[in-house]
């Protein structure tokens, strides 16, 4: 029954599962932050282009970060 199954799961297993869930949550938060930053950069470029301004390249990624210092999603991987 359910109680026996739950009793069979020991504390270490639960601890490992919680740790993995926390890591996943952090990864998702990081990915969301990167997506938001990339969206802001793209909107900035798009706005410049729509206004007919020549794009200066100021937000082109240099190395592993944007000029604003926002790390790219693949930085360090």
C-alpha atoms as a PDB file:
ATOM      1  CA  UNK A   1       0.000   0.000   0.000  1.00  0.00           C
ATOM      2  CA  UNK A   2       0.941   3.672  -0.151  1.00  0.00           C
ATOM      3  CA  UNK A   3       2.139   3.902   3.446  1.00  0.00           C
ATOM      4  CA  UNK A   4       4.493   0.950   2.981  1.00  0.00           C
ATOM      5  CA  UNK A   5       5.852   2.489  -0.221  1.00  0.00           C
ATOM      6  CA  UNK A   6       6.436   5.818   1.496  1.00  0.00           C
ATOM      7  CA  UNK A   7       8.092   4.135   4.470  1.00  0.00           C
ATOM      8  CA  UNK A   8      10.431   2.360   2.053  1.00  0.00           C
ATOM      9  CA  UNK A   9      11.745   5.679   0.752  1.00  0.00           C
ATOM     10  CA  UNK A  10      14.480   6.647   3.179  1.00  0.00           C
ATOM     11  CA  UNK A  11      15.583  10.105   4.188  1.00  0.00           C
ATOM     12  CA  UNK A  12      18.677  10.021   1.966  1.00  0.00           C
ATOM     13  CA  UNK A  13      16.552   9.408  -1.105  1.00  0.00           C
ATOM     14  CA  UNK A  14      14.267  12.295  -0.193  1.00  0.00           C
ATOM     15  CA  UNK A  15      17.261  14.508   0.467  1.00  0.00           C
ATOM     16  CA  UNK A  16      18.737  13.663  -2.941  1.00  0.00           C
ATOM     17  CA  UNK A  17      15.428  14.292  -4.668  1.00  0.00           C
ATOM     18  CA  UNK A  18      15.033  17.663  -2.928  1.00  0.00           C
ATOM     19  CA  UNK A  19      18.584  18.603  -3.921  1.00  0.00           C
ATOM     20  CA  UNK A  20      17.906  17.700  -7.556  1.00  0.00           C
ATOM     21  CA  UNK A  21      14.648  19.661  -7.561  1.00  0.00           C
ATOM     22  CA  UNK A  22      16.464  22.681  -6.118  1.00  0.00           C
ATOM     23  CA  UNK A  23      19.191  22.401  -8.776  1.00  0.00           C
ATOM     24  CA  UNK A  24      16.538  22.189 -11.482  1.00  0.00           C
ATOM     25  CA  UNK A  25      14.745  25.228 -10.057  1.00  0.00           C
ATOM     26  CA  UNK A  26      18.020  27.198 -10.057  1.00  0.00           C
ATOM     27  CA  UNK A  27      18.767  26.120 -13.641  1.00  0.00           C
ATOM     28  CA  UNK A  28      15.305  27.235 -14.723  1.00  0.00           C
ATOM     29  CA  UNK A  29      15.718  30.564 -12.923  1.00  0.00           C
ATOM     30  CA  UNK A  30      19.092  31.087 -14.639  1.00  0.00           C
ATOM     31  CA  UNK A  31      17.621  30.194 -18.025  1.00  0.00           C
ATOM     32  CA  UNK A  32      14.730  32.609 -17.493  1.00  0.00           C
ATOM     33  CA  UNK A  33      17.106  35.398 -16.480  1.00  0.00           C
ATOM     34  CA  UNK A  34      19.176  34.761 -19.618  1.00  0.00           C
ATOM     35  CA  UNK A  35      16.059  34.730 -21.788  1.00  0.00           C
ATOM     36  CA  UNK A  36      14.888  38.040 -20.305  1.00  0.00           C
ATOM     37  CA  UNK A  37      18.332  39.603 -20.833  1.00  0.00           C
ATOM     38  CA  UNK A  38      18.525  38.354 -24.422  1.00  0.00           C
ATOM     39  CA  UNK A  39      15.015  39.651 -25.085  1.00  0.00           C
ATOM     40  CA  UNK A  40      16.005  43.085 -23.771  1.00  0.00           C
ATOM     41  CA  UNK A  41      19.108  43.112 -25.989  1.00  0.00           C
ATOM     42  CA  UNK A  42      17.048  42.065 -29.021  1.00  0.00           C
ATOM     43  CA  UNK A  43      14.419  44.718 -28.303  1.00  0.00           C
ATOM     44  CA  UNK A  44      17.168  47.311 -28.068  1.00  0.00           C
ATOM     45  CA  UNK A  45      18.616  46.265 -31.424  1.00  0.00           C
ATOM     46  CA  UNK A  46      15.155  45.995 -32.988  1.00  0.00           C
ATOM     47  CA  UNK A  47      14.217  49.462 -31.710  1.00  0.00           C
ATOM     48  CA  UNK A  48      17.379  50.959 -33.169  1.00  0.00           C
ATOM     49  CA  UNK A  49      16.785  49.315 -36.536  1.00  0.00           C
ATOM     50  CA  UNK A  50      13.106  50.321 -36.650  1.00  0.00           C
ATOM     51  CA  UNK A  51      14.037  53.935 -35.971  1.00  0.00           C
ATOM     52  CA  UNK A  52      16.247  53.786 -39.049  1.00  0.00           C
ATOM     53  CA  UNK A  53      19.424  54.254 -37.035  1.00  0.00           C
ATOM     54  CA  UNK A  54      22.549  52.509 -38.179  1.00  0.00           C
ATOM     55  CA  UNK A  55      23.210  49.731 -35.707  1.00  0.00           C
ATOM     56  CA  UNK A  56      26.521  50.478 -34.048  1.00  0.00           C
ATOM     57  CA  UNK A  57      27.090  46.940 -32.836  1.00  0.00           C
ATOM     58  CA  UNK A  58      27.253  48.122 -29.252  1.00  0.00           C
ATOM     59  CA  UNK A  59      25.232  45.194 -27.980  1.00  0.00           C
ATOM     60  CA  UNK A  60      26.937  42.505 -30.044  1.00  0.00           C
ATOM     61  CA  UNK A  61      28.329  39.868 -27.684  1.00  0.00           C
ATOM     62  CA  UNK A  62      32.037  40.297 -27.063  1.00  0.00           C
ATOM     63  CA  UNK A  63      33.655  37.240 -25.523  1.00  0.00           C
ATOM     64  CA  UNK A  64      31.139  35.551 -23.253  1.00  0.00           C
ATOM     65  CA  UNK A  65      29.138  38.599 -22.198  1.00  0.00           C
ATOM     66  CA  UNK A  66      27.106  41.354 -23.739  1.00  0.00           C
ATOM     67  CA  UNK A  67      28.544  44.840 -23.418  1.00  0.00           C
ATOM     68  CA  UNK A  68      26.131  45.276 -20.509  1.00  0.00           C
ATOM     69  CA  UNK A  69      27.914  42.446 -18.707  1.00  0.00           C
ATOM     70  CA  UNK A  70      25.032  39.996 -18.964  1.00  0.00           C
ATOM     71  CA  UNK A  71      26.525  36.519 -19.421  1.00  0.00           C
ATOM     72  CA  UNK A  72      25.482  34.556 -22.477  1.00  0.00           C
ATOM     73  CA  UNK A  73      23.634  31.282 -21.789  1.00  0.00           C
ATOM     74  CA  UNK A  74      26.537  29.176 -23.087  1.00  0.00           C
ATOM     75  CA  UNK A  75      29.270  31.042 -21.231  1.00  0.00           C
ATOM     76  CA  UNK A  76      31.604  28.657 -19.489  1.00  0.00           C
ATOM     77  CA  UNK A  77      29.935  25.530 -20.760  1.00  0.00           C
END
